[in-house]
Amino acid sequence: MDWTIPEDISTFLDDMDAFIDQEIIPIQEEYPELFDHRREYTRTDVARGGVPTAQWREVMAEARRRSDRAGFYRYGLPKELGGRDGSNLAMALIRERLTLRGPGLHAELAHEASTVGNVPIALALSEYGTPEQKEQYLEGVINGEGEIAFGLTEPNHGSDATWMETTAHRDGDDWIITGAKRFNSLVDVSVANMVFARTSGRPGKADGITAFLIPMDVPGHDIQYYHWTMEMPTDHGEVHLDKVRVPHSTILGEEGKGLAPMQVFVHENRVRQAASGVGATQFCIDRSVKYAEERVLFGKFLRDYQGIQWQLVELQTENEFIRNTVYKVAAQMDQMSRKEHEQYLSGVIAMCNYKANQLVCNAADRAMQIHGGSGFSRHQPFESIYRHHRRYRLTEGSDEVQMRRIANRMFDFKKQPQPRT
């Protein structure tokens, strides 16, 4: 069967490339220190705990404004939010194309700064927010002028989020929230923090967890410090909540059903993440092939050594298999509802995410090795690619969580009786 990219998506990709060349690359050229070997240092505000500098935030904001004005940024959002209802297949192809270009302002995914935005909080607000919450927050989340931070992970709980220790109890018309959040992203620039807390139910159960939209300046809501990570600058705050009082109207969605808004975008994000890995892997392969065709070693081109050929052949073969699976799964998602994604596709979505995230790390490592000493330097992009995509093997569900999902589909643990003891 012949399969080609749908014509409308292909046209969009070409238009996006032209826009990046005309509008985004000139911004990079204006601020070379933010994109060359100095990038990690010039983007990081050490005096403010390692968060992005005001200059770096403004450069990303300008790129977003230009993308939004040109009609690219909201492509994946629903039409009622100014988007084009971009399909999962289209968004996978877009993410692959963006990372295929290599690191740059067109796809600074560490900050979700991208020519075509990935705005999951907006989807959660749109589907679960009250009219008042939408009026207050929604447009600001989309255009970047009113970000909402995301506080799920805790000091003692990451993948086991349903065991969270942050709690909230009712006090008249208000809620009192006590606990802590770790890697609380975007708290340095947000107007509110989406905080998940247990309001009822037993540890380990999803029921009983509630999502609150807490204004950043409410008393008792304090950013203690920022975690410096493998990839800098950081926006991963350590947030303490000391008897934070908020009204009932800050609840997003239903009381006790707070994980539902988060599930709106989980599967979409995992496939888009996998597609980003496919594009970045291909970038590493292509750059390595080019280098091997130019570099002379012991009187022969590097490409003539089978030890080099086979490394790149293995990567290319794996990437082709993963690429085709990502396309297939994204297309299947477009034919199903979100509830059906969980029922029929969660295992293969996990496969895409798990394998693509591992492969891009391997590809960046191999590219470093093939480029020798220069590959290890920050004058080449490979160490940056490695550091960014290594993070994806922890976020959106770790490798182990993805493998557990796959196993759950294979063994159907929910139906199988447990052995007697």
Foldseek 3Di string as FASTA:
>chain_A
DDDDDPPVLVVVLVVLVVCCVVPVVVLCVVPVCCPFLNNQVQQFDVVAFLAGDPVVVVSLLVLLVSLVVVQAAQQCPDVVLVYVVDFLLSLLVNLLSQCLVPDDQQPPPVQQSHSHGDQLVLVLCVVFNDPVCCVVANNCSSSVNANEWEFQAAPVDDLQSLQDDWAWEDDPQKIWIFGKGWQGAPLVRHQWYFHWHFHDDDRSDLFRIWTFTGGSPFPQWDFPHFDPALGGRGRITIIGHDRGIDGPNRTTHDHRNHCVSVLVCLLSVLLSLLSNLLNNLNNLLVVLVVQQQPDADPRHRNCPDVVLVVLSVVLVVLSVVLVVLSSVLSVVPSVDDSVVCLVPPLLSSLVSNLSSLVSSLSSLVSSLVSVDPVSVRSSDRSSVSNSVSPVSCRPSHHSVRSVVSNVCVVPVVVPDDDDDD
